């Protein structure tokens, strides 16, 4: 576990967290140098967990932006359809008025 680079550790945050917790359980047996190492590892764990949380939020935000773009495109398409339907309605209204006028003339 200690030979992994940072990116590999980021992919295995849960395993690394378990390792750190197990290491902390043995802290009463550690020398001063080992305790310093443990403090560094605990700090790294804290930063990695925070980074993973940030990545999750970044992915959620990216997903939300994508969904918003999809909805915007759908709205544009629906607005174009609505515009075409209004023109069709106006044309039908005009034809209907003409037909009613012809009926009234007779």
N, C-alpha and C. Protein backbone atom coordinates (compact mmCIF):
# COMPACT_ATOMS: atom_id res chain seq x y z
N UNK A 1 0.82 -1.19 0.00
CA UNK A 1 0.00 0.00 0.00
C UNK A 1 0.87 1.26 0.00
N UNK A 2 1.97 1.24 0.72
CA UNK A 2 2.82 2.42 0.82
C UNK A 2 3.64 2.66 -0.44
N UNK A 3 3.67 1.70 -1.33
CA UNK A 3 4.47 1.86 -2.55
C UNK A 3 3.64 2.42 -3.71
N UNK A 4 2.36 2.61 -3.51
CA UNK A 4 1.50 3.17 -4.56
C UNK A 4 1.77 4.65 -4.71
N UNK A 5 1.58 5.15 -5.95
CA UNK A 5 1.67 6.60 -6.10
C UNK A 5 0.32 7.21 -5.73
N UNK A 6 0.24 8.51 -5.73
CA UNK A 6 -0.95 9.21 -5.24
C UNK A 6 -2.20 8.85 -6.03
N UNK A 7 -2.08 8.76 -7.36
CA UNK A 7 -3.25 8.44 -8.18
C UNK A 7 -3.79 7.05 -7.86
N UNK A 8 -2.88 6.09 -7.66
CA UNK A 8 -3.33 4.74 -7.30
C UNK A 8 -4.02 4.75 -5.95
N UNK A 9 -3.48 5.53 -5.01
CA UNK A 9 -4.11 5.64 -3.70
C UNK A 9 -5.49 6.28 -3.81
N UNK A 10 -5.62 7.27 -4.69
CA UNK A 10 -6.92 7.93 -4.86
C UNK A 10 -7.97 6.93 -5.35
N UNK A 11 -7.54 5.98 -6.18
CA UNK A 11 -8.47 4.98 -6.67
C UNK A 11 -8.83 3.97 -5.59
N UNK A 12 -7.99 3.89 -4.54
CA UNK A 12 -8.20 2.92 -3.47
C UNK A 12 -8.32 3.61 -2.11
N UNK A 13 -9.08 4.68 -2.09
CA UNK A 13 -9.20 5.48 -0.86
C UNK A 13 -9.72 4.63 0.28
N UNK A 14 -10.71 3.80 0.02
CA UNK A 14 -11.29 3.00 1.10
C UNK A 14 -10.27 2.04 1.70
N UNK A 15 -9.52 1.34 0.84
CA UNK A 15 -8.49 0.42 1.34
C UNK A 15 -7.41 1.17 2.12
N UNK A 16 -7.04 2.34 1.59
CA UNK A 16 -6.02 3.15 2.26
C UNK A 16 -6.54 3.61 3.62
N UNK A 17 -7.82 3.98 3.70
CA UNK A 17 -8.40 4.42 4.97
C UNK A 17 -8.38 3.29 5.99
N UNK A 18 -8.68 2.08 5.55
CA UNK A 18 -8.63 0.92 6.45
C UNK A 18 -7.20 0.72 6.95
N UNK A 19 -6.24 0.83 6.03
CA UNK A 19 -4.83 0.68 6.40
C UNK A 19 -4.44 1.71 7.45
N UNK A 20 -4.84 2.95 7.24
CA UNK A 20 -4.49 4.02 8.18
C UNK A 20 -5.14 3.77 9.54
N UNK A 21 -6.41 3.34 9.53
CA UNK A 21 -7.09 3.04 10.79
C UNK A 21 -6.40 1.91 11.54
N UNK A 22 -5.97 0.89 10.81
CA UNK A 22 -5.25 -0.21 11.45
C UNK A 22 -3.92 0.27 12.01
N UNK A 23 -3.24 1.12 11.26
CA UNK A 23 -1.97 1.68 11.72
C UNK A 23 -2.18 2.51 12.99
N UNK A 24 -3.25 3.25 13.04
CA UNK A 24 -3.56 4.07 14.21
C UNK A 24 -3.81 3.18 15.44
N UNK A 25 -4.41 2.01 15.23
CA UNK A 25 -4.66 1.10 16.35
C UNK A 25 -3.37 0.65 17.03
N UNK A 26 -2.28 0.64 16.27
CA UNK A 26 -0.98 0.22 16.83
C UNK A 26 -0.13 1.41 17.27
N UNK A 27 -0.71 2.59 17.30
CA UNK A 27 0.09 3.78 17.58
C UNK A 27 0.74 3.77 18.95
N UNK A 28 0.19 3.08 19.90
CA UNK A 28 0.79 3.04 21.24
C UNK A 28 2.12 2.30 21.25
N UNK A 29 2.38 1.50 20.20
CA UNK A 29 3.64 0.76 20.11
C UNK A 29 4.69 1.47 19.26
N UNK A 30 4.35 2.57 18.66
CA UNK A 30 5.23 3.20 17.68
C UNK A 30 6.30 4.08 18.33
N UNK A 31 7.42 4.17 17.63
CA UNK A 31 8.49 5.07 18.05
C UNK A 31 8.11 6.49 17.65
N UNK A 32 8.93 7.46 18.04
CA UNK A 32 8.65 8.85 17.67
C UNK A 32 8.64 9.05 16.16
N UNK A 33 9.60 8.43 15.47
CA UNK A 33 9.65 8.55 14.01
C UNK A 33 8.42 7.91 13.38
N UNK A 34 8.02 6.78 13.91
CA UNK A 34 6.83 6.10 13.38
C UNK A 34 5.57 6.91 13.66
N UNK A 35 5.53 7.56 14.83
CA UNK A 35 4.39 8.42 15.14
C UNK A 35 4.31 9.61 14.18
N UNK A 36 5.47 10.18 13.86
CA UNK A 36 5.51 11.27 12.89
C UNK A 36 5.01 10.79 11.53
N UNK A 37 5.47 9.60 11.15
CA UNK A 37 5.00 9.00 9.90
C UNK A 37 3.49 8.81 9.93
N UNK A 38 2.96 8.31 11.04
CA UNK A 38 1.52 8.10 11.19
C UNK A 38 0.77 9.43 11.05
N UNK A 39 1.28 10.49 11.65
CA UNK A 39 0.65 11.80 11.52
C UNK A 39 0.59 12.24 10.05
N UNK A 40 1.68 12.00 9.33
CA UNK A 40 1.72 12.35 7.91
C UNK A 40 0.71 11.53 7.11
N UNK A 41 0.63 10.25 7.42
CA UNK A 41 -0.30 9.36 6.73
C UNK A 41 -1.74 9.77 7.04
N UNK A 42 -2.02 10.14 8.29
CA UNK A 42 -3.36 10.59 8.66
C UNK A 42 -3.74 11.87 7.92
N UNK A 43 -2.79 12.77 7.78
CA UNK A 43 -3.04 14.00 7.04
C UNK A 43 -3.32 13.69 5.57
N UNK A 44 -2.53 12.79 5.00
CA UNK A 44 -2.73 12.39 3.61
C UNK A 44 -4.12 11.78 3.43
N UNK A 45 -4.51 10.92 4.36
CA UNK A 45 -5.84 10.29 4.29
C UNK A 45 -6.92 11.36 4.31
N UNK A 46 -6.79 12.32 5.21
CA UNK A 46 -7.78 13.39 5.32
C UNK A 46 -7.89 14.17 4.00
N UNK A 47 -6.77 14.48 3.39
CA UNK A 47 -6.75 15.22 2.13
C UNK A 47 -7.34 14.38 1.00
N UNK A 48 -7.03 13.08 0.98
CA UNK A 48 -7.55 12.21 -0.07
C UNK A 48 -9.07 12.08 0.02
N UNK A 49 -9.57 11.93 1.22
CA UNK A 49 -11.02 11.83 1.40
C UNK A 49 -11.68 13.13 0.96
N UNK A 50 -11.09 14.26 1.29
CA UNK A 50 -11.63 15.55 0.87
C UNK A 50 -11.60 15.68 -0.64
N UNK A 51 -10.49 15.25 -1.27
CA UNK A 51 -10.38 15.31 -2.73
C UNK A 51 -11.43 14.43 -3.39
N UNK A 52 -11.67 13.25 -2.82
CA UNK A 52 -12.66 12.36 -3.41
C UNK A 52 -14.05 12.99 -3.33
N UNK A 53 -14.34 13.66 -2.22
CA UNK A 53 -15.62 14.35 -2.09
C UNK A 53 -15.76 15.45 -3.13
N UNK A 54 -14.67 16.18 -3.35
CA UNK A 54 -14.68 17.24 -4.35
C UNK A 54 -14.91 16.65 -5.74
N UNK A 55 -14.25 15.54 -6.05
CA UNK A 55 -14.45 14.90 -7.36
C UNK A 55 -15.91 14.48 -7.54
N UNK A 56 -16.52 13.96 -6.49
CA UNK A 56 -17.91 13.54 -6.58
C UNK A 56 -18.79 14.74 -6.92
N UNK A 57 -18.57 15.87 -6.22
CA UNK A 57 -19.36 17.06 -6.49
C UNK A 57 -19.10 17.61 -7.89
N UNK A 58 -17.85 17.53 -8.35
CA UNK A 58 -17.55 17.98 -9.70
C UNK A 58 -18.30 17.14 -10.73
N UNK A 59 -18.36 15.83 -10.52
CA UNK A 59 -19.09 14.96 -11.43
C UNK A 59 -20.59 15.27 -11.39
N UNK A 60 -21.12 15.53 -10.21
CA UNK A 60 -22.54 15.87 -10.10
C UNK A 60 -22.85 17.18 -10.81
N UNK A 61 -21.96 18.16 -10.66
CA UNK A 61 -22.16 19.45 -11.32
C UNK A 61 -22.08 19.29 -12.83
N UNK A 62 -21.11 18.51 -13.31
CA UNK A 62 -20.99 18.28 -14.75
C UNK A 62 -22.24 17.60 -15.29
N UNK A 63 -22.75 16.64 -14.55
CA UNK A 63 -23.97 15.95 -14.95
C UNK A 63 -25.15 16.91 -14.99
N UNK A 64 -25.24 17.78 -14.00
CA UNK A 64 -26.33 18.76 -13.96
C UNK A 64 -26.25 19.72 -15.14
N UNK A 65 -25.03 20.18 -15.49
CA UNK A 65 -24.87 21.07 -16.63
C UNK A 65 -25.29 20.37 -17.92
N UNK A 66 -24.91 19.10 -18.06
CA UNK A 66 -25.27 18.34 -19.25
C UNK A 66 -26.79 18.22 -19.36
N UNK A 67 -27.44 17.88 -18.25
CA UNK A 67 -28.90 17.76 -18.25
C UNK A 67 -29.56 19.10 -18.58
N UNK A 68 -28.99 20.18 -18.07
CA UNK A 68 -29.53 21.50 -18.36
C UNK A 68 -29.44 21.81 -19.86
N UNK A 69 -28.31 21.44 -20.48
CA UNK A 69 -28.16 21.65 -21.93
C UNK A 69 -29.17 20.83 -22.70
N UNK A 70 -29.41 19.59 -22.28
CA UNK A 70 -30.40 18.74 -22.94
C UNK A 70 -31.79 19.37 -22.83
N UNK A 71 -32.13 19.85 -21.65
CA UNK A 71 -33.44 20.48 -21.45
C UNK A 71 -33.56 21.75 -22.30
N UNK A 72 -32.49 22.54 -22.38
CA UNK A 72 -32.51 23.75 -23.21
C UNK A 72 -32.77 23.40 -24.67
N UNK A 73 -32.10 22.34 -25.16
CA UNK A 73 -32.32 21.92 -26.56
C UNK A 73 -33.75 21.45 -26.76
N UNK A 74 -34.28 20.71 -25.80
CA UNK A 74 -35.66 20.24 -25.90
C UNK A 74 -36.63 21.42 -25.90
N UNK A 75 -36.35 22.43 -25.06
CA UNK A 75 -37.21 23.61 -25.02
C UNK A 75 -37.19 24.35 -26.36
N UNK A 76 -36.01 24.48 -26.97
CA UNK A 76 -35.92 25.15 -28.27
C UNK A 76 -36.73 24.38 -29.31
N UNK A 77 -36.61 23.08 -29.30
CA UNK A 77 -37.35 22.25 -30.24
C UNK A 77 -38.86 22.40 -30.03
N UNK A 78 -39.28 22.40 -28.77
CA UNK A 78 -40.70 22.55 -28.46
C UNK A 78 -41.21 23.94 -28.84
N UNK A 79 -40.38 24.96 -28.64
CA UNK A 79 -40.78 26.32 -29.01
C UNK A 79 -40.96 26.43 -30.53
N UNK A 80 -40.09 25.77 -31.30
CA UNK A 80 -40.23 25.77 -32.75
C UNK A 80 -41.51 25.04 -33.16
N UNK A 81 -41.79 23.91 -32.50
CA UNK A 81 -43.03 23.18 -32.79
C UNK A 81 -44.25 24.03 -32.45
N UNK A 82 -44.19 24.73 -31.32
CA UNK A 82 -45.30 25.59 -30.91
C UNK A 82 -45.52 26.71 -31.92
N UNK A 83 -44.44 27.29 -32.41
CA UNK A 83 -44.54 28.35 -33.40
C UNK A 83 -45.21 27.83 -34.68
N UNK A 84 -44.82 26.65 -35.12
CA UNK A 84 -45.43 26.05 -36.31
C UNK A 84 -46.91 25.77 -36.07
N UNK A 85 -47.25 25.29 -34.88
CA UNK A 85 -48.65 25.02 -34.56
C UNK A 85 -49.48 26.30 -34.51
N UNK A 86 -48.89 27.39 -34.02
CA UNK A 86 -49.61 28.68 -34.00
C UNK A 86 -49.91 29.16 -35.41
N UNK A 87 -48.93 29.01 -36.32
CA UNK A 87 -49.15 29.41 -37.71
C UNK A 87 -50.26 28.55 -38.32
N UNK A 88 -50.23 27.27 -38.03
CA UNK A 88 -51.25 26.36 -38.55
C UNK A 88 -52.63 26.76 -37.99
N UNK A 89 -52.70 27.07 -36.71
CA UNK A 89 -53.95 27.49 -36.07
C UNK A 89 -54.47 28.76 -36.71
N UNK A 90 -53.56 29.73 -36.93
CA UNK A 90 -53.97 30.99 -37.55
C UNK A 90 -54.51 30.75 -38.96
N UNK A 91 -53.85 29.88 -39.71
CA UNK A 91 -54.31 29.56 -41.07
C UNK A 91 -55.69 28.90 -41.03
N UNK A 92 -55.88 27.97 -40.10
CA UNK A 92 -57.19 27.32 -39.97
C UNK A 92 -58.26 28.31 -39.55
N UNK A 93 -57.92 29.24 -38.66
CA UNK A 93 -58.88 30.26 -38.24
C UNK A 93 -59.29 31.14 -39.41
N UNK A 94 -58.33 31.48 -40.24
CA UNK A 94 -58.62 32.31 -41.42
C UNK A 94 -59.55 31.56 -42.37
N UNK A 95 -59.26 30.31 -42.64
CA UNK A 95 -60.10 29.49 -43.52
C UNK A 95 -61.51 29.35 -42.95
N UNK A 96 -61.58 29.14 -41.63
CA UNK A 96 -62.88 28.99 -40.98
C UNK A 96 -63.69 30.28 -41.09
N UNK A 97 -63.05 31.42 -40.87
CA UNK A 97 -63.74 32.71 -41.01
C UNK A 97 -64.27 32.89 -42.43
N UNK A 98 -63.44 32.54 -43.40
CA UNK A 98 -63.86 32.65 -44.80
C UNK A 98 -65.05 31.75 -45.09
N UNK A 99 -65.01 30.52 -44.57
CA UNK A 99 -66.12 29.59 -44.78
C UNK A 99 -67.39 30.08 -44.11
N UNK A 100 -67.28 30.63 -42.89
CA UNK A 100 -68.46 31.17 -42.18
C UNK A 100 -69.01 32.36 -42.96
N UNK A 101 -68.13 33.21 -43.47
CA UNK A 101 -68.58 34.38 -44.26
C UNK A 101 -69.33 33.94 -45.50
N UNK A 102 -68.86 32.89 -46.17
CA UNK A 102 -69.54 32.37 -47.38
C UNK A 102 -70.90 31.81 -47.01
N UNK A 103 -70.99 31.12 -45.88
CA UNK A 103 -72.28 30.57 -45.44
C UNK A 103 -73.28 31.68 -45.12
N UNK A 104 -72.80 32.73 -44.50
CA UNK A 104 -73.67 33.85 -44.16
C UNK A 104 -74.13 34.63 -45.39
N UNK A 105 -73.34 34.63 -46.44
CA UNK A 105 -73.70 35.35 -47.67
C UNK A 105 -74.84 34.62 -48.39
N UNK A 106 -74.89 33.32 -48.26
CA UNK A 106 -75.92 32.54 -48.96
C UNK A 106 -77.18 32.57 -48.26
